[in-house]
Amino acid sequence: MEGKYSITHTCNSWTADMLEQAGLKGSAVGGAAFSNRHANVIETGPGARASDVQALVEKARAAVLLQHGVSLECEIVILE
């Protein structure tokens, strides 16, 4: 499950801004974490599980919906 993933809204730069404003940049669940360099990228390391990524995405969706009133959709991209 090691790789990088992203979540998005209609405008990708707005998504990163909303995630950062919600305090999610660098936050982690298990082996998945939002990048410290770009809040719209989820990085995973050895031992990360799909459930870690899913939980982090759901945490982000809830935080952005609460703070900005915007519902994010998941766009998974696996880089090998």
PDB file of N, CA and C in Angstrom:
ATOM      1  N   MET A   1       0.818  -1.194   0.000  1.00  0.00           N
ATOM      2  CA  MET A   1       0.000   0.000   0.000  1.00  0.00           C
ATOM      3  C   MET A   1       0.859   1.254   0.000  1.00  0.00           C
ATOM      4  N   GLU A   2       2.156   1.113  -0.185  1.00  0.00           N
ATOM      5  CA  GLU A   2       3.047   2.261  -0.189  1.00  0.00           C
ATOM      6  C   GLU A   2       2.838   3.061  -1.471  1.00  0.00           C
ATOM      7  N   GLY A   3       2.719   4.383  -1.367  1.00  0.00           N
ATOM      8  CA  GLY A   3       2.517   5.222  -2.540  1.00  0.00           C
ATOM      9  C   GLY A   3       2.025   6.590  -2.159  1.00  0.00           C
ATOM     10  N   LYS A   4       1.503   7.313  -3.156  1.00  0.00           N
ATOM     11  CA  LYS A   4       0.958   8.650  -2.937  1.00  0.00           C
ATOM     12  C   LYS A   4      -0.428   8.712  -3.546  1.00  0.00           C
ATOM     13  N   TYR A   5      -1.325   9.427  -2.885  1.00  0.00           N
ATOM     14  CA  TYR A   5      -2.724   9.503  -3.285  1.00  0.00           C
ATOM     15  C   TYR A   5      -3.194  10.943  -3.129  1.00  0.00           C
ATOM     16  N   SER A   6      -4.273  11.324  -3.797  1.00  0.00           N
ATOM     17  CA  SER A   6      -4.803  12.672  -3.599  1.00  0.00           C
ATOM     18  C   SER A   6      -6.320  12.649  -3.551  1.00  0.00           C
ATOM     19  N   ILE A   7      -6.866  13.679  -2.894  1.00  0.00           N
ATOM     20  CA  ILE A   7      -8.309  13.890  -2.920  1.00  0.00           C
ATOM     21  C   ILE A   7      -8.538  15.256  -3.541  1.00  0.00           C
ATOM     22  N   THR A   8      -9.701  15.454  -4.121  1.00  0.00           N
ATOM     23  CA  THR A   8      -9.877  16.674  -4.893  1.00  0.00           C
ATOM     24  C   THR A   8     -11.297  17.219  -4.822  1.00  0.00           C
ATOM     25  N   HIS A   9     -11.427  18.447  -5.233  1.00  0.00           N
ATOM     26  CA  HIS A   9     -12.704  19.115  -5.459  1.00  0.00           C
ATOM     27  C   HIS A   9     -12.611  19.623  -6.890  1.00  0.00           C
ATOM     28  N   THR A  10     -13.517  20.458  -7.329  1.00  0.00           N
ATOM     29  CA  THR A  10     -13.484  20.911  -8.718  1.00  0.00           C
ATOM     30  C   THR A  10     -12.224  21.706  -9.042  1.00  0.00           C
ATOM     31  N   CYS A  11     -11.629  22.348  -8.067  1.00  0.00           N
ATOM     32  CA  CYS A  11     -10.378  23.072  -8.285  1.00  0.00           C
ATOM     33  C   CYS A  11      -9.340  22.546  -7.304  1.00  0.00           C
ATOM     34  N   ASN A  12      -8.322  21.883  -7.828  1.00  0.00           N
ATOM     35  CA  ASN A  12      -7.343  21.197  -7.004  1.00  0.00           C
ATOM     36  C   ASN A  12      -6.602  22.119  -6.042  1.00  0.00           C
ATOM     37  N   SER A  13      -6.241  23.356  -6.459  1.00  0.00           N
ATOM     38  CA  SER A  13      -5.510  24.247  -5.555  1.00  0.00           C
ATOM     39  C   SER A  13      -6.398  24.681  -4.400  1.00  0.00           C
ATOM     40  N   TRP A  14      -7.681  24.850  -4.634  1.00  0.00           N
ATOM     41  CA  TRP A  14      -8.589  25.186  -3.539  1.00  0.00           C
ATOM     42  C   TRP A  14      -8.656  24.051  -2.536  1.00  0.00           C
ATOM     43  N   THR A  15      -8.611  22.826  -3.030  1.00  0.00           N
ATOM     44  CA  THR A  15      -8.655  21.668  -2.138  1.00  0.00           C
ATOM     45  C   THR A  15      -7.473  21.688  -1.189  1.00  0.00           C
ATOM     46  N   ALA A  16      -6.286  21.880  -1.709  1.00  0.00           N
ATOM     47  CA  ALA A  16      -5.089  21.931  -0.867  1.00  0.00           C
ATOM     48  C   ALA A  16      -5.206  23.047   0.156  1.00  0.00           C
ATOM     49  N   ASP A  17      -5.700  24.204  -0.265  1.00  0.00           N
ATOM     50  CA  ASP A  17      -5.869  25.329   0.655  1.00  0.00           C
ATOM     51  C   ASP A  17      -6.866  24.985   1.758  1.00  0.00           C
ATOM     52  N   MET A  18      -7.982  24.366   1.384  1.00  0.00           N
ATOM     53  CA  MET A  18      -8.990  24.004   2.386  1.00  0.00           C
ATOM     54  C   MET A  18      -8.448  22.975   3.365  1.00  0.00           C
ATOM     55  N   LEU A  19      -7.701  21.988   2.862  1.00  0.00           N
ATOM     56  CA  LEU A  19      -7.117  20.972   3.731  1.00  0.00           C
ATOM     57  C   LEU A  19      -6.115  21.600   4.693  1.00  0.00           C
ATOM     58  N   GLU A  20      -5.300  22.512   4.179  1.00  0.00           N
ATOM     59  CA  GLU A  20      -4.313  23.173   5.036  1.00  0.00           C
ATOM     60  C   GLU A  20      -4.996  24.056   6.074  1.00  0.00           C
ATOM     61  N   GLN A  21      -6.010  24.814   5.669  1.00  0.00           N
ATOM     62  CA  GLN A  21      -6.739  25.675   6.609  1.00  0.00           C
ATOM     63  C   GLN A  21      -7.457  24.862   7.681  1.00  0.00           C
ATOM     64  N   ALA A  22      -7.810  23.623   7.354  1.00  0.00           N
ATOM     65  CA  ALA A  22      -8.463  22.745   8.332  1.00  0.00           C
ATOM     66  C   ALA A  22      -7.444  22.071   9.246  1.00  0.00           C
ATOM     67  N   GLY A  23      -6.151  22.400   9.063  1.00  0.00           N
ATOM     68  CA  GLY A  23      -5.108  21.869   9.936  1.00  0.00           C
ATOM     69  C   GLY A  23      -4.689  20.447   9.631  1.00  0.00           C
ATOM     70  N   LEU A  24      -4.921  19.992   8.404  1.00  0.00           N
ATOM     71  CA  LEU A  24      -4.650  18.603   8.061  1.00  0.00           C
ATOM     72  C   LEU A  24      -3.264  18.351   7.477  1.00  0.00           C
ATOM     73  N   LYS A  25      -2.580  19.390   7.036  1.00  0.00           N
ATOM     74  CA  LYS A  25      -1.240  19.223   6.456  1.00  0.00           C
ATOM     75  C   LYS A  25      -0.341  18.542   7.487  1.00  0.00           C
ATOM     76  N   GLY A  26       0.220  17.384   7.119  1.00  0.00           N
ATOM     77  CA  GLY A  26       1.099  16.638   8.019  1.00  0.00           C
ATOM     78  C   GLY A  26       0.388  15.714   8.986  1.00  0.00           C
ATOM     79  N   SER A  27      -0.944  15.765   9.047  1.00  0.00           N
ATOM     80  CA  SER A  27      -1.661  14.890   9.985  1.00  0.00           C
ATOM     81  C   SER A  27      -1.670  13.456   9.457  1.00  0.00           C
ATOM     82  N   ALA A  28      -1.780  12.496  10.370  1.00  0.00           N
ATOM     83  CA  ALA A  28      -1.668  11.088   9.996  1.00  0.00           C
ATOM     84  C   ALA A  28      -2.728  10.230  10.658  1.00  0.00           C
ATOM     85  N   VAL A  29      -3.020   9.116  10.007  1.00  0.00           N
ATOM     86  CA  VAL A  29      -3.824   8.033  10.563  1.00  0.00           C
ATOM     87  C   VAL A  29      -3.063   6.760  10.221  1.00  0.00           C
ATOM     88  N   GLY A  30      -2.594   6.050  11.234  1.00  0.00           N
ATOM     89  CA  GLY A  30      -1.807   4.845  10.991  1.00  0.00           C
ATOM     90  C   GLY A  30      -0.603   5.154  10.133  1.00  0.00           C
ATOM     91  N   GLY A  31      -0.438   4.427   9.026  1.00  0.00           N
ATOM     92  CA  GLY A  31       0.709   4.613   8.143  1.00  0.00           C
ATOM     93  C   GLY A  31       0.466   5.574   7.003  1.00  0.00           C
ATOM     94  N   ALA A  32      -0.643   6.302   7.022  1.00  0.00           N
ATOM     95  CA  ALA A  32      -0.966   7.271   5.972  1.00  0.00           C
ATOM     96  C   ALA A  32      -0.936   8.677   6.560  1.00  0.00           C
ATOM     97  N   ALA A  33      -0.361   9.616   5.812  1.00  0.00           N
ATOM     98  CA  ALA A  33      -0.265  10.997   6.298  1.00  0.00           C
ATOM     99  C   ALA A  33      -0.376  11.974   5.136  1.00  0.00           C
ATOM    100  N   PHE A  34      -0.974  13.136   5.423  1.00  0.00           N
ATOM    101  CA  PHE A  34      -0.945  14.209   4.432  1.00  0.00           C
ATOM    102  C   PHE A  34       0.469  14.753   4.384  1.00  0.00           C
ATOM    103  N   SER A  35       0.960  15.006   3.197  1.00  0.00           N
ATOM    104  CA  SER A  35       2.307  15.511   2.998  1.00  0.00           C
ATOM    105  C   SER A  35       2.506  16.834   3.726  1.00  0.00           C
ATOM    106  N   ASN A  36       3.699  17.031   4.252  1.00  0.00           N
ATOM    107  CA  ASN A  36       4.056  18.322   4.847  1.00  0.00           C
ATOM    108  C   ASN A  36       4.345  19.359   3.773  1.00  0.00           C
ATOM    109  N   ARG A  37       4.576  18.900   2.537  1.00  0.00           N
ATOM    110  CA  ARG A  37       4.890  19.808   1.431  1.00  0.00           C
ATOM    111  C   ARG A  37       3.639  20.254   0.685  1.00  0.00           C
ATOM    112  N   HIS A  38       2.656  19.361   0.542  1.00  0.00           N
ATOM    113  CA  HIS A  38       1.440  19.679  -0.207  1.00  0.00           C
ATOM    114  C   HIS A  38       0.275  18.962   0.446  1.00  0.00           C
ATOM    115  N   ALA A  39      -0.652  19.722   0.975  1.00  0.00           N
ATOM    116  CA  ALA A  39      -1.745  19.157   1.770  1.00  0.00           C
ATOM    117  C   ALA A  39      -2.681  18.253   0.981  1.00  0.00           C
ATOM    118  N   ASN A  40      -2.631  18.294  -0.345  1.00  0.00           N
ATOM    119  CA  ASN A  40      -3.539  17.472  -1.144  1.00  0.00           C
ATOM    120  C   ASN A  40      -2.923  16.129  -1.539  1.00  0.00           C
ATOM    121  N   VAL A  41      -1.804  15.768  -0.933  1.00  0.00           N
ATOM    122  CA  VAL A  41      -1.141  14.504  -1.236  1.00  0.00           C
ATOM    123  C   VAL A  41      -1.060  13.669   0.034  1.00  0.00           C
ATOM    124  N   ILE A  42      -1.505  12.424  -0.073  1.00  0.00           N
ATOM    125  CA  ILE A  42      -1.393  11.479   1.034  1.00  0.00           C
ATOM    126  C   ILE A  42      -0.220  10.569   0.743  1.00  0.00           C
ATOM    127  N   GLU A  43       0.698  10.484   1.686  1.00  0.00           N
ATOM    128  CA  GLU A  43       1.856   9.610   1.546  1.00  0.00           C
ATOM    129  C   GLU A  43       1.672   8.406   2.460  1.00  0.00           C
ATOM    130  N   THR A  44       2.088   7.268   1.976  1.00  0.00           N
ATOM    131  CA  THR A  44       2.011   6.052   2.784  1.00  0.00           C
ATOM    132  C   THR A  44       3.385   5.424   2.875  1.00  0.00           C
ATOM    133  N   GLY A  45       3.635   4.763   3.981  1.00  0.00           N
ATOM    134  CA  GLY A  45       4.912   4.100   4.181  1.00  0.00           C
ATOM    135  C   GLY A  45       4.720   2.613   4.370  1.00  0.00           C
ATOM    136  N   PRO A  46       5.812   1.921   4.650  1.00  0.00           N
ATOM    137  CA  PRO A  46       5.722   0.479   4.891  1.00  0.00           C
ATOM    138  C   PRO A  46       4.729   0.174   6.007  1.00  0.00           C
ATOM    139  N   GLY A  47       3.902  -0.821   5.787  1.00  0.00           N
ATOM    140  CA  GLY A  47       2.923  -1.209   6.793  1.00  0.00           C
ATOM    141  C   GLY A  47       1.616  -0.444   6.728  1.00  0.00           C
ATOM    142  N   ALA A  48       1.542   0.561   5.862  1.00  0.00           N
ATOM    143  CA  ALA A  48       0.284   1.308   5.728  1.00  0.00           C
ATOM    144  C   ALA A  48      -0.786   0.402   5.145  1.00  0.00           C
ATOM    145  N   ARG A  49      -1.988   0.611   5.576  1.00  0.00           N
ATOM    146  CA  ARG A  49      -3.120  -0.183   5.100  1.00  0.00           C
ATOM    147  C   ARG A  49      -4.090   0.710   4.330  1.00  0.00           C
ATOM    148  N   ALA A  50      -4.846   0.097   3.463  1.00  0.00           N
ATOM    149  CA  ALA A  50      -5.868   0.838   2.735  1.00  0.00           C
ATOM    150  C   ALA A  50      -6.822   1.506   3.714  1.00  0.00           C
ATOM    151  N   SER A  51      -7.079   0.848   4.832  1.00  0.00           N
ATOM    152  CA  SER A  51      -7.986   1.421   5.834  1.00  0.00           C
ATOM    153  C   SER A  51      -7.395   2.695   6.451  1.00  0.00           C
ATOM    154  N   ASP A  52      -6.061   2.807   6.527  1.00  0.00           N
ATOM    155  CA  ASP A  52      -5.426   4.040   7.017  1.00  0.00           C
ATOM    156  C   ASP A  52      -5.708   5.191   6.053  1.00  0.00           C
ATOM    157  N   VAL A  53      -5.546   4.928   4.750  1.00  0.00           N
ATOM    158  CA  VAL A  53      -5.814   5.950   3.738  1.00  0.00           C
ATOM    159  C   VAL A  53      -7.282   6.340   3.773  1.00  0.00           C
ATOM    160  N   GLN A  54      -8.153   5.357   3.832  1.00  0.00           N
ATOM    161  CA  GLN A  54      -9.589   5.630   3.848  1.00  0.00           C
ATOM    162  C   GLN A  54      -9.974   6.455   5.075  1.00  0.00           C
ATOM    163  N   ALA A  55      -9.434   6.123   6.234  1.00  0.00           N
ATOM    164  CA  ALA A  55      -9.744   6.867   7.459  1.00  0.00           C
ATOM    165  C   ALA A  55      -9.226   8.299   7.371  1.00  0.00           C
ATOM    166  N   LEU A  56      -8.047   8.495   6.793  1.00  0.00           N
ATOM    167  CA  LEU A  56      -7.491   9.838   6.644  1.00  0.00           C
ATOM    168  C   LEU A  56      -8.336  10.663   5.679  1.00  0.00           C
ATOM    169  N   VAL A  57      -8.767  10.048   4.585  1.00  0.00           N
ATOM    170  CA  VAL A  57      -9.634  10.742   3.621  1.00  0.00           C
ATOM    171  C   VAL A  57     -10.948  11.141   4.289  1.00  0.00           C
ATOM    172  N   GLU A  58     -11.543  10.240   5.043  1.00  0.00           N
ATOM    173  CA  GLU A  58     -12.805  10.558   5.717  1.00  0.00           C
ATOM    174  C   GLU A  58     -12.625  11.659   6.760  1.00  0.00           C
ATOM    175  N   LYS A  59     -11.497  11.635   7.462  1.00  0.00           N
ATOM    176  CA  LYS A  59     -11.179  12.699   8.432  1.00  0.00           C
ATOM    177  C   LYS A  59     -11.103  14.050   7.710  1.00  0.00           C
ATOM    178  N   ALA A  60     -10.446  14.063   6.553  1.00  0.00           N
ATOM    179  CA  ALA A  60     -10.302  15.288   5.774  1.00  0.00           C
ATOM    180  C   ALA A  60     -11.645  15.765   5.234  1.00  0.00           C
ATOM    181  N   ARG A  61     -12.420  14.844   4.698  1.00  0.00           N
ATOM    182  CA  ARG A  61     -13.739  15.228   4.156  1.00  0.00           C
ATOM    183  C   ARG A  61     -14.615  15.848   5.239  1.00  0.00           C
ATOM    184  N   ALA A  62     -14.609  15.251   6.426  1.00  0.00           N
ATOM    185  CA  ALA A  62     -15.423  15.776   7.531  1.00  0.00           C
ATOM    186  C   ALA A  62     -14.929  17.151   7.974  1.00  0.00           C
ATOM    187  N   ALA A  63     -13.610  17.314   8.074  1.00  0.00           N
ATOM    188  CA  ALA A  63     -13.051  18.592   8.524  1.00  0.00           C
ATOM    189  C   ALA A  63     -13.336  19.713   7.532  1.00  0.00           C
ATOM    190  N   VAL A  64     -13.193  19.435   6.234  1.00  0.00           N
ATOM    191  CA  VAL A  64     -13.439  20.454   5.212  1.00  0.00           C
ATOM    192  C   VAL A  64     -14.932  20.772   5.122  1.00  0.00           C
ATOM    193  N   LEU A  65     -15.776  19.772   5.238  1.00  0.00           N
ATOM    194  CA  LEU A  65     -17.217  20.020   5.220  1.00  0.00           C
ATOM    195  C   LEU A  65     -17.624  20.894   6.404  1.00  0.00           C
ATOM    196  N   LEU A  66     -17.088  20.602   7.573  1.00  0.00           N
ATOM    197  CA  LEU A  66     -17.412  21.374   8.777  1.00  0.00           C
ATOM    198  C   LEU A  66     -16.907  22.810   8.668  1.00  0.00           C
ATOM    199  N   GLN A  67     -15.679  22.987   8.220  1.00  0.00           N
ATOM    200  CA  GLN A  67     -15.074  24.320   8.204  1.00  0.00           C
ATOM    201  C   GLN A  67     -15.482  25.154   6.994  1.00  0.00           C
ATOM    202  N   HIS A  68     -15.635  24.518   5.831  1.00  0.00           N
ATOM    203  CA  HIS A  68     -15.868  25.263   4.593  1.00  0.00           C
ATOM    204  C   HIS A  68     -17.218  24.983   3.934  1.00  0.00           C
ATOM    205  N   GLY A  69     -17.931  23.967   4.404  1.00  0.00           N
ATOM    206  CA  GLY A  69     -19.208  23.634   3.789  1.00  0.00           C
ATOM    207  C   GLY A  69     -19.072  23.014   2.414  1.00  0.00           C
ATOM    208  N   VAL A  70     -17.914  22.433   2.128  1.00  0.00           N
ATOM    209  CA  VAL A  70     -17.635  21.836   0.817  1.00  0.00           C
ATOM    210  C   VAL A  70     -17.464  20.336   0.991  1.00  0.00           C
ATOM    211  N   SER A  71     -18.122  19.566   0.124  1.00  0.00           N
ATOM    212  CA  SER A  71     -18.004  18.114   0.151  1.00  0.00           C
ATOM    213  C   SER A  71     -16.944  17.671  -0.851  1.00  0.00           C
ATOM    214  N   LEU A  72     -15.841  17.137  -0.348  1.00  0.00           N
ATOM    215  CA  LEU A  72     -14.762  16.660  -1.207  1.00  0.00           C
ATOM    216  C   LEU A  72     -15.061  15.264  -1.734  1.00  0.00           C
ATOM    217  N   GLU A  73     -14.572  14.967  -2.941  1.00  0.00           N
ATOM    218  CA  GLU A  73     -14.679  13.633  -3.502  1.00  0.00           C
ATOM    219  C   GLU A  73     -13.288  13.024  -3.562  1.00  0.00           C
ATOM    220  N   CYS A  74     -13.210  11.709  -3.434  1.00  0.00           N
ATOM    221  CA  CYS A  74     -11.936  11.026  -3.420  1.00  0.00           C
ATOM    222  C   CYS A  74     -11.479  10.723  -4.840  1.00  0.00           C
ATOM    223  N   GLU A  75     -10.216  11.060  -5.115  1.00  0.00           N
ATOM    224  CA  GLU A  75      -9.607  10.761  -6.406  1.00  0.00           C
ATOM    225  C   GLU A  75      -8.287  10.057  -6.106  1.00  0.00           C
ATOM    226  N   ILE A  76      -8.297   8.744  -6.114  1.00  0.00           N
ATOM    227  CA  ILE A  76      -7.100   7.974  -5.768  1.00  0.00           C
ATOM    228  C   ILE A  76      -6.220   7.813  -7.003  1.00  0.00           C
ATOM    229  N   VAL A  77      -4.953   8.154  -6.850  1.00  0.00           N
ATOM    230  CA  VAL A  77      -3.959   7.968  -7.891  1.00  0.00           C
ATOM    231  C   VAL A  77      -2.786   7.239  -7.259  1.00  0.00           C
ATOM    232  N   ILE A  78      -2.458   6.052  -7.764  1.00  0.00           N
ATOM    233  CA  ILE A  78      -1.359   5.269  -7.217  1.00  0.00           C
ATOM    234  C   ILE A  78      -0.135   5.464  -8.094  1.00  0.00           C
ATOM    235  N   LEU A  79       0.942   5.950  -7.506  1.00  0.00           N
ATOM    236  CA  LEU A  79       2.205   6.133  -8.218  1.00  0.00           C
ATOM    237  C   LEU A  79       3.117   4.976  -7.884  1.00  0.00           C
ATOM    238  N   GLU A  80       3.589   4.289  -8.885  1.00  0.00           N
ATOM    239  CA  GLU A  80       4.479   3.147  -8.629  1.00  0.00           C
ATOM    240  C   GLU A  80       5.898   3.481  -9.003  1.00  0.00           C
TER     241      GLU A  80
END
